[in-house]
Amino acid sequence: MAEHNELGRYGELLAKAYLEKLGYRILEQNWVYGRADIDLIALYQDTLIFVEVKTRRSVDHGEPEEFVNWKKEKQLEMASSVYIDRRNHQGEIRFDIIAIVFENKELYKINHIEDAFWPT
């Protein structure tokens, strides 16, 4: 596996642990529908939360959350609609981004952006 893929997987594990510590219940990890994937799907109170995790080694080329573009938002919107229908979820939904930046192998910063975007 390429090094950047390993970093991404590790970031997803850190994000999952972070959310669980806050009381979120993780329903899915790396849920795929067609060409779209959702890194984490969580339930917090009655809100279904679709989480995109972005992990970087530095911010030299921008903050990780800046790499969630309109195309990714559209993919998340399509996949989340299918998930909502399959689960027959009637409550609130939210799209979050968890951005992780590593300073070194052991030291990192997590930025949890709740309600990061709302697909149109």
PDB file of N, CA and C in Angstrom:
ATOM      1  N   MET A   1       0.848  -1.178   0.000  1.00  0.00           N
ATOM      2  CA  MET A   1       0.000   0.000   0.000  1.00  0.00           C
ATOM      3  C   MET A   1       0.892   1.239   0.000  1.00  0.00           C
ATOM      4  N   ALA A   2       0.521   2.231  -0.785  1.00  0.00           N
ATOM      5  CA  ALA A   2       1.297   3.461  -0.863  1.00  0.00           C
ATOM      6  C   ALA A   2       1.294   4.169   0.487  1.00  0.00           C
ATOM      7  N   GLU A   3       2.364   4.907   0.732  1.00  0.00           N
ATOM      8  CA  GLU A   3       2.534   5.578   2.023  1.00  0.00           C
ATOM      9  C   GLU A   3       1.392   6.559   2.314  1.00  0.00           C
ATOM     10  N   HIS A   4       0.927   7.301   1.290  1.00  0.00           N
ATOM     11  CA  HIS A   4      -0.162   8.250   1.529  1.00  0.00           C
ATOM     12  C   HIS A   4      -1.468   7.530   1.849  1.00  0.00           C
ATOM     13  N   ASN A   5      -1.669   6.328   1.298  1.00  0.00           N
ATOM     14  CA  ASN A   5      -2.859   5.541   1.636  1.00  0.00           C
ATOM     15  C   ASN A   5      -2.803   5.059   3.080  1.00  0.00           C
ATOM     16  N   GLU A   6      -1.609   4.663   3.514  1.00  0.00           N
ATOM     17  CA  GLU A   6      -1.439   4.238   4.912  1.00  0.00           C
ATOM     18  C   GLU A   6      -1.722   5.399   5.864  1.00  0.00           C
ATOM     19  N   LEU A   7      -1.241   6.576   5.502  1.00  0.00           N
ATOM     20  CA  LEU A   7      -1.484   7.758   6.330  1.00  0.00           C
ATOM     21  C   LEU A   7      -2.986   8.046   6.400  1.00  0.00           C
ATOM     22  N   GLY A   8      -3.664   7.929   5.274  1.00  0.00           N
ATOM     23  CA  GLY A   8      -5.103   8.151   5.248  1.00  0.00           C
ATOM     24  C   GLY A   8      -5.858   7.163   6.115  1.00  0.00           C
ATOM     25  N   ARG A   9      -5.496   5.904   6.033  1.00  0.00           N
ATOM     26  CA  ARG A   9      -6.152   4.868   6.863  1.00  0.00           C
ATOM     27  C   ARG A   9      -5.898   5.133   8.343  1.00  0.00           C
ATOM     28  N   TYR A  10      -4.667   5.517   8.667  1.00  0.00           N
ATOM     29  CA  TYR A  10      -4.331   5.819  10.054  1.00  0.00           C
ATOM     30  C   TYR A  10      -5.147   7.025  10.539  1.00  0.00           C
ATOM     31  N   GLY A  11      -5.286   8.030   9.685  1.00  0.00           N
ATOM     32  CA  GLY A  11      -6.091   9.194  10.027  1.00  0.00           C
ATOM     33  C   GLY A  11      -7.536   8.818  10.300  1.00  0.00           C
ATOM     34  N   GLU A  12      -8.077   7.898   9.505  1.00  0.00           N
ATOM     35  CA  GLU A  12      -9.456   7.449   9.717  1.00  0.00           C
ATOM     36  C   GLU A  12      -9.610   6.737  11.060  1.00  0.00           C
ATOM     37  N   LEU A  13      -8.607   5.948  11.435  1.00  0.00           N
ATOM     38  CA  LEU A  13      -8.645   5.272  12.737  1.00  0.00           C
ATOM     39  C   LEU A  13      -8.598   6.290  13.880  1.00  0.00           C
ATOM     40  N   LEU A  14      -7.761   7.314  13.728  1.00  0.00           N
ATOM     41  CA  LEU A  14      -7.684   8.361  14.751  1.00  0.00           C
ATOM     42  C   LEU A  14      -9.005   9.123  14.846  1.00  0.00           C
ATOM     43  N   ALA A  15      -9.595   9.425  13.692  1.00  0.00           N
ATOM     44  CA  ALA A  15     -10.875  10.142  13.675  1.00  0.00           C
ATOM     45  C   ALA A  15     -11.969   9.309  14.328  1.00  0.00           C
ATOM     46  N   LYS A  16     -11.986   8.027  14.036  1.00  0.00           N
ATOM     47  CA  LYS A  16     -12.978   7.123  14.628  1.00  0.00           C
ATOM     48  C   LYS A  16     -12.840   7.112  16.152  1.00  0.00           C
ATOM     49  N   ALA A  17     -11.619   6.960  16.645  1.00  0.00           N
ATOM     50  CA  ALA A  17     -11.380   6.949  18.095  1.00  0.00           C
ATOM     51  C   ALA A  17     -11.767   8.284  18.724  1.00  0.00           C
ATOM     52  N   TYR A  18     -11.470   9.365  18.045  1.00  0.00           N
ATOM     53  CA  TYR A  18     -11.809  10.704  18.520  1.00  0.00           C
ATOM     54  C   TYR A  18     -13.330  10.846  18.674  1.00  0.00           C
ATOM     55  N   LEU A  19     -14.071  10.448  17.650  1.00  0.00           N
ATOM     56  CA  LEU A  19     -15.532  10.556  17.704  1.00  0.00           C
ATOM     57  C   LEU A  19     -16.127   9.651  18.776  1.00  0.00           C
ATOM     58  N   GLU A  20     -15.619   8.431  18.886  1.00  0.00           N
ATOM     59  CA  GLU A  20     -16.119   7.509  19.908  1.00  0.00           C
ATOM     60  C   GLU A  20     -15.893   8.077  21.307  1.00  0.00           C
ATOM     61  N   LYS A  21     -14.763   8.718  21.502  1.00  0.00           N
ATOM     62  CA  LYS A  21     -14.463   9.321  22.803  1.00  0.00           C
ATOM     63  C   LYS A  21     -15.456  10.439  23.140  1.00  0.00           C
ATOM     64  N   LEU A  22     -15.976  11.107  22.100  1.00  0.00           N
ATOM     65  CA  LEU A  22     -16.969  12.173  22.292  1.00  0.00           C
ATOM     66  C   LEU A  22     -18.391  11.633  22.452  1.00  0.00           C
ATOM     67  N   GLY A  23     -18.559  10.316  22.316  1.00  0.00           N
ATOM     68  CA  GLY A  23     -19.877   9.722  22.487  1.00  0.00           C
ATOM     69  C   GLY A  23     -20.615   9.407  21.195  1.00  0.00           C
ATOM     70  N   TYR A  24     -19.958   9.563  20.065  1.00  0.00           N
ATOM     71  CA  TYR A  24     -20.567   9.212  18.786  1.00  0.00           C
ATOM     72  C   TYR A  24     -20.554   7.685  18.649  1.00  0.00           C
ATOM     73  N   ARG A  25     -21.583   7.143  18.022  1.00  0.00           N
ATOM     74  CA  ARG A  25     -21.613   5.714  17.729  1.00  0.00           C
ATOM     75  C   ARG A  25     -21.293   5.545  16.247  1.00  0.00           C
ATOM     76  N   ILE A  26     -20.204   4.856  15.964  1.00  0.00           N
ATOM     77  CA  ILE A  26     -19.784   4.643  14.578  1.00  0.00           C
ATOM     78  C   ILE A  26     -20.624   3.516  13.988  1.00  0.00           C
ATOM     79  N   LEU A  27     -21.328   3.829  12.910  1.00  0.00           N
ATOM     80  CA  LEU A  27     -22.171   2.842  12.244  1.00  0.00           C
ATOM     81  C   LEU A  27     -21.441   2.161  11.089  1.00  0.00           C
ATOM     82  N   GLU A  28     -20.626   2.930  10.381  1.00  0.00           N
ATOM     83  CA  GLU A  28     -19.920   2.407   9.213  1.00  0.00           C
ATOM     84  C   GLU A  28     -18.557   3.073   9.095  1.00  0.00           C
ATOM     85  N   GLN A  29     -17.628   2.321   8.528  1.00  0.00           N
ATOM     86  CA  GLN A  29     -16.321   2.873   8.191  1.00  0.00           C
ATOM     87  C   GLN A  29     -16.022   2.461   6.753  1.00  0.00           C
ATOM     88  N   ASN A  30     -15.663   3.445   5.937  1.00  0.00           N
ATOM     89  CA  ASN A  30     -15.375   3.229   4.512  1.00  0.00           C
ATOM     90  C   ASN A  30     -16.558   2.597   3.786  1.00  0.00           C
ATOM     91  N   TRP A  31     -17.722   3.204   3.952  1.00  0.00           N
ATOM     92  CA  TRP A  31     -18.932   2.722   3.300  1.00  0.00           C
ATOM     93  C   TRP A  31     -18.908   3.168   1.844  1.00  0.00           C
ATOM     94  N   VAL A  32     -19.125   2.238   0.935  1.00  0.00           N
ATOM     95  CA  VAL A  32     -18.983   2.512  -0.492  1.00  0.00           C
ATOM     96  C   VAL A  32     -20.309   2.300  -1.202  1.00  0.00           C
ATOM     97  N   TYR A  33     -20.623   3.244  -2.072  1.00  0.00           N
ATOM     98  CA  TYR A  33     -21.752   3.103  -2.982  1.00  0.00           C
ATOM     99  C   TYR A  33     -21.281   3.597  -4.346  1.00  0.00           C
ATOM    100  N   GLY A  34     -21.221   2.691  -5.306  1.00  0.00           N
ATOM    101  CA  GLY A  34     -20.721   3.061  -6.628  1.00  0.00           C
ATOM    102  C   GLY A  34     -19.287   3.538  -6.532  1.00  0.00           C
ATOM    103  N   ARG A  35     -19.039   4.728  -7.055  1.00  0.00           N
ATOM    104  CA  ARG A  35     -17.685   5.299  -7.014  1.00  0.00           C
ATOM    105  C   ARG A  35     -17.463   6.190  -5.796  1.00  0.00           C
ATOM    106  N   ALA A  36     -18.499   6.349  -4.999  1.00  0.00           N
ATOM    107  CA  ALA A  36     -18.415   7.225  -3.827  1.00  0.00           C
ATOM    108  C   ALA A  36     -18.150   6.406  -2.571  1.00  0.00           C
ATOM    109  N   ASP A  37     -17.339   6.982  -1.699  1.00  0.00           N
ATOM    110  CA  ASP A  37     -17.127   6.335  -0.401  1.00  0.00           C
ATOM    111  C   ASP A  37     -17.272   7.376   0.696  1.00  0.00           C
ATOM    112  N   ILE A  38     -17.769   6.911   1.817  1.00  0.00           N
ATOM    113  CA  ILE A  38     -17.908   7.771   2.986  1.00  0.00           C
ATOM    114  C   ILE A  38     -16.985   7.197   4.048  1.00  0.00           C
ATOM    115  N   ASP A  39     -16.050   8.030   4.507  1.00  0.00           N
ATOM    116  CA  ASP A  39     -15.037   7.547   5.452  1.00  0.00           C
ATOM    117  C   ASP A  39     -15.662   7.006   6.731  1.00  0.00           C
ATOM    118  N   LEU A  40     -16.525   7.797   7.350  1.00  0.00           N
ATOM    119  CA  LEU A  40     -17.193   7.375   8.584  1.00  0.00           C
ATOM    120  C   LEU A  40     -18.639   7.821   8.560  1.00  0.00           C
ATOM    121  N   ILE A  41     -19.505   6.962   9.060  1.00  0.00           N
ATOM    122  CA  ILE A  41     -20.898   7.327   9.279  1.00  0.00           C
ATOM    123  C   ILE A  41     -21.159   7.078  10.754  1.00  0.00           C
ATOM    124  N   ALA A  42     -21.631   8.131  11.421  1.00  0.00           N
ATOM    125  CA  ALA A  42     -21.818   8.054  12.867  1.00  0.00           C
ATOM    126  C   ALA A  42     -23.211   8.531  13.247  1.00  0.00           C
ATOM    127  N   LEU A  43     -23.611   8.126  14.434  1.00  0.00           N
ATOM    128  CA  LEU A  43     -24.861   8.591  15.008  1.00  0.00           C
ATOM    129  C   LEU A  43     -24.526   9.286  16.318  1.00  0.00           C
ATOM    130  N   TYR A  44     -25.011  10.511  16.455  1.00  0.00           N
ATOM    131  CA  TYR A  44     -24.831  11.261  17.698  1.00  0.00           C
ATOM    132  C   TYR A  44     -26.185  11.821  18.075  1.00  0.00           C
ATOM    133  N   GLN A  45     -26.695  11.360  19.205  1.00  0.00           N
ATOM    134  CA  GLN A  45     -28.073  11.625  19.609  1.00  0.00           C
ATOM    135  C   GLN A  45     -28.962  11.110  18.474  1.00  0.00           C
ATOM    136  N   ASP A  46     -29.746  11.941  17.833  1.00  0.00           N
ATOM    137  CA  ASP A  46     -30.592  11.462  16.733  1.00  0.00           C
ATOM    138  C   ASP A  46     -30.083  11.926  15.376  1.00  0.00           C
ATOM    139  N   THR A  47     -28.878  12.459  15.334  1.00  0.00           N
ATOM    140  CA  THR A  47     -28.335  13.003  14.097  1.00  0.00           C
ATOM    141  C   THR A  47     -27.411  11.993  13.432  1.00  0.00           C
ATOM    142  N   LEU A  48     -27.664  11.748  12.154  1.00  0.00           N
ATOM    143  CA  LEU A  48     -26.816  10.885  11.338  1.00  0.00           C
ATOM    144  C   LEU A  48     -25.750  11.766  10.713  1.00  0.00           C
ATOM    145  N   ILE A  49     -24.482  11.408  10.935  1.00  0.00           N
ATOM    146  CA  ILE A  49     -23.375  12.271  10.524  1.00  0.00           C
ATOM    147  C   ILE A  49     -22.481  11.537   9.540  1.00  0.00           C
ATOM    148  N   PHE A  50     -22.268  12.187   8.398  1.00  0.00           N
ATOM    149  CA  PHE A  50     -21.381  11.669   7.354  1.00  0.00           C
ATOM    150  C   PHE A  50     -20.080  12.445   7.463  1.00  0.00           C
ATOM    151  N   VAL A  51     -18.977  11.702   7.657  1.00  0.00           N
ATOM    152  CA  VAL A  51     -17.701  12.330   7.968  1.00  0.00           C
ATOM    153  C   VAL A  51     -16.678  12.046   6.874  1.00  0.00           C
ATOM    154  N   GLU A  52     -16.087  13.117   6.366  1.00  0.00           N
ATOM    155  CA  GLU A  52     -14.960  13.012   5.447  1.00  0.00           C
ATOM    156  C   GLU A  52     -13.702  13.302   6.260  1.00  0.00           C
ATOM    157  N   VAL A  53     -12.740  12.387   6.200  1.00  0.00           N
ATOM    158  CA  VAL A  53     -11.491  12.542   6.945  1.00  0.00           C
ATOM    159  C   VAL A  53     -10.386  12.894   5.956  1.00  0.00           C
ATOM    160  N   LYS A  54      -9.666  13.968   6.242  1.00  0.00           N
ATOM    161  CA  LYS A  54      -8.530  14.377   5.418  1.00  0.00           C
ATOM    162  C   LYS A  54      -7.299  14.432   6.313  1.00  0.00           C
ATOM    163  N   THR A  55      -6.264  13.719   5.919  1.00  0.00           N
ATOM    164  CA  THR A  55      -5.045  13.624   6.720  1.00  0.00           C
ATOM    165  C   THR A  55      -3.864  14.092   5.879  1.00  0.00           C
ATOM    166  N   ARG A  56      -3.019  14.936   6.454  1.00  0.00           N
ATOM    167  CA  ARG A  56      -1.840  15.456   5.762  1.00  0.00           C
ATOM    168  C   ARG A  56      -0.642  15.460   6.705  1.00  0.00           C
ATOM    169  N   ARG A  57       0.513  15.434   6.092  1.00  0.00           N
ATOM    170  CA  ARG A  57       1.769  15.525   6.868  1.00  0.00           C
ATOM    171  C   ARG A  57       2.141  16.967   7.188  1.00  0.00           C
ATOM    172  N   SER A  58       1.624  17.899   6.408  1.00  0.00           N
ATOM    173  CA  SER A  58       1.910  19.313   6.652  1.00  0.00           C
ATOM    174  C   SER A  58       0.808  20.143   6.008  1.00  0.00           C
ATOM    175  N   VAL A  59       0.856  21.446   6.266  1.00  0.00           N
ATOM    176  CA  VAL A  59      -0.098  22.360   5.643  1.00  0.00           C
ATOM    177  C   VAL A  59       0.598  23.222   4.594  1.00  0.00           C
ATOM    178  N   ASP A  60       1.737  22.757   4.118  1.00  0.00           N
ATOM    179  CA  ASP A  60       2.492  23.512   3.118  1.00  0.00           C
ATOM    180  C   ASP A  60       1.673  23.841   1.876  1.00  0.00           C
ATOM    181  N   HIS A  61       0.759  22.958   1.510  1.00  0.00           N
ATOM    182  CA  HIS A  61      -0.052  23.157   0.306  1.00  0.00           C
ATOM    183  C   HIS A  61      -1.509  23.472   0.646  1.00  0.00           C
ATOM    184  N   GLY A  62      -1.774  23.789   1.902  1.00  0.00           N
ATOM    185  CA  GLY A  62      -3.128  24.130   2.329  1.00  0.00           C
ATOM    186  C   GLY A  62      -3.612  23.230   3.443  1.00  0.00           C
ATOM    187  N   GLU A  63      -4.641  23.696   4.108  1.00  0.00           N
ATOM    188  CA  GLU A  63      -5.254  22.922   5.184  1.00  0.00           C
ATOM    189  C   GLU A  63      -5.969  21.704   4.594  1.00  0.00           C
ATOM    190  N   PRO A  64      -5.988  20.588   5.301  1.00  0.00           N
ATOM    191  CA  PRO A  64      -6.613  19.370   4.753  1.00  0.00           C
ATOM    192  C   PRO A  64      -8.064  19.571   4.317  1.00  0.00           C
ATOM    193  N   GLU A  65      -8.825  20.329   5.104  1.00  0.00           N
ATOM    194  CA  GLU A  65     -10.238  20.516   4.783  1.00  0.00           C
ATOM    195  C   GLU A  65     -10.459  21.260   3.462  1.00  0.00           C
ATOM    196  N   GLU A  66      -9.444  21.990   3.009  1.00  0.00           N
ATOM    197  CA  GLU A  66      -9.550  22.715   1.739  1.00  0.00           C
ATOM    198  C   GLU A  66      -9.587  21.771   0.536  1.00  0.00           C
ATOM    199  N   PHE A  67      -9.270  20.507   0.754  1.00  0.00           N
ATOM    200  CA  PHE A  67      -9.237  19.528  -0.323  1.00  0.00           C
ATOM    201  C   PHE A  67     -10.561  18.770  -0.479  1.00  0.00           C
ATOM    202  N   VAL A  68     -11.566  19.179   0.267  1.00  0.00           N
ATOM    203  CA  VAL A  68     -12.913  18.635   0.063  1.00  0.00           C
ATOM    204  C   VAL A  68     -13.586  19.588  -0.917  1.00  0.00           C
ATOM    205  N   ASN A  69     -13.565  19.213  -2.196  1.00  0.00           N
ATOM    206  CA  ASN A  69     -14.087  20.085  -3.242  1.00  0.00           C
ATOM    207  C   ASN A  69     -15.537  19.758  -3.568  1.00  0.00           C
ATOM    208  N   TRP A  70     -16.112  20.511  -4.495  1.00  0.00           N
ATOM    209  CA  TRP A  70     -17.518  20.342  -4.864  1.00  0.00           C
ATOM    210  C   TRP A  70     -17.795  18.943  -5.400  1.00  0.00           C
ATOM    211  N   LYS A  71     -16.810  18.350  -6.095  1.00  0.00           N
ATOM    212  CA  LYS A  71     -17.001  16.998  -6.632  1.00  0.00           C
ATOM    213  C   LYS A  71     -17.151  15.984  -5.496  1.00  0.00           C
ATOM    214  N   LYS A  72     -16.302  16.100  -4.479  1.00  0.00           N
ATOM    215  CA  LYS A  72     -16.383  15.208  -3.326  1.00  0.00           C
ATOM    216  C   LYS A  72     -17.700  15.433  -2.586  1.00  0.00           C
ATOM    217  N   GLU A  73     -18.113  16.686  -2.455  1.00  0.00           N
ATOM    218  CA  GLU A  73     -19.388  16.983  -1.807  1.00  0.00           C
ATOM    219  C   GLU A  73     -20.541  16.322  -2.548  1.00  0.00           C
ATOM    220  N   LYS A  74     -20.537  16.366  -3.883  1.00  0.00           N
ATOM    221  CA  LYS A  74     -21.590  15.725  -4.686  1.00  0.00           C
ATOM    222  C   LYS A  74     -21.589  14.213  -4.488  1.00  0.00           C
ATOM    223  N   GLN A  75     -20.400  13.599  -4.443  1.00  0.00           N
ATOM    224  CA  GLN A  75     -20.304  12.154  -4.200  1.00  0.00           C
ATOM    225  C   GLN A  75     -20.878  11.801  -2.832  1.00  0.00           C
ATOM    226  N   LEU A  76     -20.530  12.597  -1.831  1.00  0.00           N
ATOM    227  CA  LEU A  76     -21.046  12.358  -0.486  1.00  0.00           C
ATOM    228  C   LEU A  76     -22.561  12.527  -0.445  1.00  0.00           C
ATOM    229  N   GLU A  77     -23.071  13.519  -1.152  1.00  0.00           N
ATOM    230  CA  GLU A  77     -24.511  13.744  -1.191  1.00  0.00           C
ATOM    231  C   GLU A  77     -25.227  12.538  -1.798  1.00  0.00           C
ATOM    232  N   MET A  78     -24.715  12.029  -2.921  1.00  0.00           N
ATOM    233  CA  MET A  78     -25.343  10.895  -3.585  1.00  0.00           C
ATOM    234  C   MET A  78     -25.295   9.647  -2.693  1.00  0.00           C
ATOM    235  N   ALA A  79     -24.126   9.338  -2.163  1.00  0.00           N
ATOM    236  CA  ALA A  79     -23.976   8.144  -1.330  1.00  0.00           C
ATOM    237  C   ALA A  79     -24.787   8.263  -0.046  1.00  0.00           C
ATOM    238  N   SER A  80     -24.807   9.438   0.560  1.00  0.00           N
ATOM    239  CA  SER A  80     -25.555   9.614   1.802  1.00  0.00           C
ATOM    240  C   SER A  80     -27.053   9.452   1.567  1.00  0.00           C
ATOM    241  N   SER A  81     -27.548   9.910   0.424  1.00  0.00           N
ATOM    242  CA  SER A  81     -28.967   9.745   0.105  1.00  0.00           C
ATOM    243  C   SER A  81     -29.360   8.275   0.063  1.00  0.00           C
ATOM    244  N   VAL A  82     -28.510   7.474  -0.543  1.00  0.00           N
ATOM    245  CA  VAL A  82     -28.760   6.031  -0.605  1.00  0.00           C
ATOM    246  C   VAL A  82     -28.742   5.437   0.802  1.00  0.00           C
ATOM    247  N   TYR A  83     -27.750   5.825   1.594  1.00  0.00           N
ATOM    248  CA  TYR A  83     -27.632   5.305   2.951  1.00  0.00           C
ATOM    249  C   TYR A  83     -28.867   5.675   3.786  1.00  0.00           C
ATOM    250  N   ILE A  84     -29.297   6.916   3.670  1.00  0.00           N
ATOM    251  CA  ILE A  84     -30.470   7.384   4.415  1.00  0.00           C
ATOM    252  C   ILE A  84     -31.697   6.568   4.028  1.00  0.00           C
ATOM    253  N   ASP A  85     -31.875   6.344   2.731  1.00  0.00           N
ATOM    254  CA  ASP A  85     -33.018   5.538   2.261  1.00  0.00           C
ATOM    255  C   ASP A  85     -32.948   4.114   2.787  1.00  0.00           C
ATOM    256  N   ARG A  86     -31.766   3.505   2.714  1.00  0.00           N
ATOM    257  CA  ARG A  86     -31.626   2.111   3.158  1.00  0.00           C
ATOM    258  C   ARG A  86     -31.863   1.960   4.652  1.00  0.00           C
ATOM    259  N   ARG A  87     -31.458   2.950   5.422  1.00  0.00           N
ATOM    260  CA  ARG A  87     -31.630   2.895   6.881  1.00  0.00           C
ATOM    261  C   ARG A  87     -32.981   3.461   7.331  1.00  0.00           C
ATOM    262  N   ASN A  88     -33.682   4.062   6.370  1.00  0.00           N
ATOM    263  CA  ASN A  88     -34.956   4.707   6.666  1.00  0.00           C
ATOM    264  C   ASN A  88     -34.786   5.717   7.811  1.00  0.00           C
ATOM    265  N   HIS A  89     -33.729   6.490   7.730  1.00  0.00           N
ATOM    266  CA  HIS A  89     -33.434   7.494   8.759  1.00  0.00           C
ATOM    267  C   HIS A  89     -34.380   8.675   8.607  1.00  0.00           C
ATOM    268  N   GLN A  90     -35.040   9.036   9.678  1.00  0.00           N
ATOM    269  CA  GLN A  90     -36.020  10.121   9.653  1.00  0.00           C
ATOM    270  C   GLN A  90     -35.543  11.377  10.387  1.00  0.00           C
ATOM    271  N   GLY A  91     -34.389  11.295  11.029  1.00  0.00           N
ATOM    272  CA  GLY A  91     -33.912  12.424  11.832  1.00  0.00           C
ATOM    273  C   GLY A  91     -33.025  13.374  11.049  1.00  0.00           C
ATOM    274  N   GLU A  92     -32.325  14.192  11.793  1.00  0.00           N
ATOM    275  CA  GLU A  92     -31.410  15.171  11.218  1.00  0.00           C
ATOM    276  C   GLU A  92     -30.189  14.477  10.616  1.00  0.00           C
ATOM    277  N   ILE A  93     -29.557  15.167   9.665  1.00  0.00           N
ATOM    278  CA  ILE A  93     -28.281  14.699   9.110  1.00  0.00           C
ATOM    279  C   ILE A  93     -27.297  15.859   9.139  1.00  0.00           C
ATOM    280  N   ARG A  94     -26.020  15.512   9.021  1.00  0.00           N
ATOM    281  CA  ARG A  94     -24.980  16.529   9.046  1.00  0.00           C
ATOM    282  C   ARG A  94     -23.776  16.004   8.289  1.00  0.00           C
ATOM    283  N   PHE A  95     -23.041  16.908   7.663  1.00  0.00           N
ATOM    284  CA  PHE A  95     -21.796  16.556   6.980  1.00  0.00           C
ATOM    285  C   PHE A  95     -20.641  17.243   7.701  1.00  0.00           C
ATOM    286  N   ASP A  96     -19.747  16.436   8.246  1.00  0.00           N
ATOM    287  CA  ASP A  96     -18.587  16.944   8.973  1.00  0.00           C
ATOM    288  C   ASP A  96     -17.306  16.626   8.226  1.00  0.00           C
ATOM    289  N   ILE A  97     -16.285  17.395   8.526  1.00  0.00           N
ATOM    290  CA  ILE A  97     -14.928  17.097   8.061  1.00  0.00           C
ATOM    291  C   ILE A  97     -14.051  16.986   9.300  1.00  0.00           C
ATOM    292  N   ILE A  98     -13.230  15.957   9.326  1.00  0.00           N
ATOM    293  CA  ILE A  98     -12.196  15.874  10.349  1.00  0.00           C
ATOM    294  C   ILE A  98     -10.859  15.977   9.621  1.00  0.00           C
ATOM    295  N   ALA A  99     -10.150  17.054   9.928  1.00  0.00           N
ATOM    296  CA  ALA A  99      -8.856  17.327   9.308  1.00  0.00           C
ATOM    297  C   ALA A  99      -7.759  16.998  10.320  1.00  0.00           C
ATOM    298  N   ILE A 100      -6.806  16.187   9.889  1.00  0.00           N
ATOM    299  CA  ILE A 100      -5.709  15.779  10.766  1.00  0.00           C
ATOM    300  C   ILE A 100      -4.395  16.165  10.110  1.00  0.00           C
ATOM    301  N   VAL A 101      -3.558  16.854  10.871  1.00  0.00           N
ATOM    302  CA  VAL A 101      -2.231  17.243  10.384  1.00  0.00           C
ATOM    303  C   VAL A 101      -1.199  16.692  11.350  1.00  0.00           C
ATOM    304  N   PHE A 102      -0.242  15.970  10.796  1.00  0.00           N
ATOM    305  CA  PHE A 102       0.839  15.399  11.592  1.00  0.00           C
ATOM    306  C   PHE A 102       2.025  16.341  11.642  1.00  0.00           C
ATOM    307  N   GLU A 103       2.559  16.534  12.833  1.00  0.00           N
ATOM    308  CA  GLU A 103       3.819  17.257  12.979  1.00  0.00           C
ATOM    309  C   GLU A 103       4.975  16.265  12.911  1.00  0.00           C
ATOM    310  N   ASN A 104       4.751  15.080  13.437  1.00  0.00           N
ATOM    311  CA  ASN A 104       5.675  13.959  13.300  1.00  0.00           C
ATOM    312  C   ASN A 104       4.838  12.690  13.460  1.00  0.00           C
ATOM    313  N   LYS A 105       5.499  11.552  13.541  1.00  0.00           N
ATOM    314  CA  LYS A 105       4.758  10.285  13.556  1.00  0.00           C
ATOM    315  C   LYS A 105       3.797  10.150  14.742  1.00  0.00           C
ATOM    316  N   GLU A 106       4.127  10.764  15.846  1.00  0.00           N
ATOM    317  CA  GLU A 106       3.336  10.618  17.065  1.00  0.00           C
ATOM    318  C   GLU A 106       2.484  11.849  17.400  1.00  0.00           C
ATOM    319  N   LEU A 107       2.861  13.007  16.874  1.00  0.00           N
ATOM    320  CA  LEU A 107       2.207  14.262  17.253  1.00  0.00           C
ATOM    321  C   LEU A 107       1.340  14.764  16.097  1.00  0.00           C
ATOM    322  N   TYR A 108       0.065  14.961  16.393  1.00  0.00           N
ATOM    323  CA  TYR A 108      -0.864  15.408  15.358  1.00  0.00           C
ATOM    324  C   TYR A 108      -1.911  16.330  15.971  1.00  0.00           C
ATOM    325  N   LYS A 109      -2.600  17.061  15.087  1.00  0.00           N
ATOM    326  CA  LYS A 109      -3.664  17.970  15.499  1.00  0.00           C
ATOM    327  C   LYS A 109      -4.933  17.572  14.762  1.00  0.00           C
ATOM    328  N   ILE A 110      -6.038  17.474  15.491  1.00  0.00           N
ATOM    329  CA  ILE A 110      -7.337  17.156  14.902  1.00  0.00           C
ATOM    330  C   ILE A 110      -8.199  18.412  14.911  1.00  0.00           C
ATOM    331  N   ASN A 111      -8.775  18.719  13.756  1.00  0.00           N
ATOM    332  CA  ASN A 111      -9.717  19.823  13.626  1.00  0.00           C
ATOM    333  C   ASN A 111     -11.040  19.227  13.158  1.00  0.00           C
ATOM    334  N   HIS A 112     -12.025  19.208  14.034  1.00  0.00           N
ATOM    335  CA  HIS A 112     -13.347  18.658  13.718  1.00  0.00           C
ATOM    336  C   HIS A 112     -14.252  19.814  13.321  1.00  0.00           C
ATOM    337  N   ILE A 113     -14.647  19.813  12.061  1.00  0.00           N
ATOM    338  CA  ILE A 113     -15.500  20.872  11.535  1.00  0.00           C
ATOM    339  C   ILE A 113     -16.911  20.303  11.394  1.00  0.00           C
ATOM    340  N   GLU A 114     -17.767  20.662  12.334  1.00  0.00           N
ATOM    341  CA  GLU A 114     -19.151  20.189  12.300  1.00  0.00           C
ATOM    342  C   GLU A 114     -19.931  21.019  11.287  1.00  0.00           C
ATOM    343  N   ASP A 115     -20.864  20.350  10.602  1.00  0.00           N
ATOM    344  CA  ASP A 115     -21.691  21.043   9.612  1.00  0.00           C
ATOM    345  C   ASP A 115     -20.814  21.783   8.605  1.00  0.00           C
ATOM    346  N   ALA A 116     -19.805  21.093   8.101  1.00  0.00           N
ATOM    347  CA  ALA A 116     -18.798  21.700   7.231  1.00  0.00           C
ATOM    348  C   ALA A 116     -19.372  22.178   5.903  1.00  0.00           C
ATOM    349  N   PHE A 117     -20.364  21.489   5.400  1.00  0.00           N
ATOM    350  CA  PHE A 117     -20.985  21.890   4.142  1.00  0.00           C
ATOM    351  C   PHE A 117     -22.371  21.271   4.070  1.00  0.00           C
ATOM    352  N   TRP A 118     -23.145  21.798   3.170  1.00  0.00           N
ATOM    353  CA  TRP A 118     -24.465  21.247   2.905  1.00  0.00           C
ATOM    354  C   TRP A 118     -24.607  21.114   1.401  1.00  0.00           C
ATOM    355  N   PRO A 119     -24.611  19.892   0.900  1.00  0.00           N
ATOM    356  CA  PRO A 119     -24.720  19.721  -0.558  1.00  0.00           C
ATOM    357  C   PRO A 119     -26.000  20.356  -1.095  1.00  0.00           C
ATOM    358  N   THR A 120     -25.881  20.859  -2.302  1.00  0.00           N
ATOM    359  CA  THR A 120     -27.033  21.529  -2.925  1.00  0.00           C
ATOM    360  C   THR A 120     -27.875  20.560  -3.722  1.00  0.00           C
TER     361      THR A 120
END
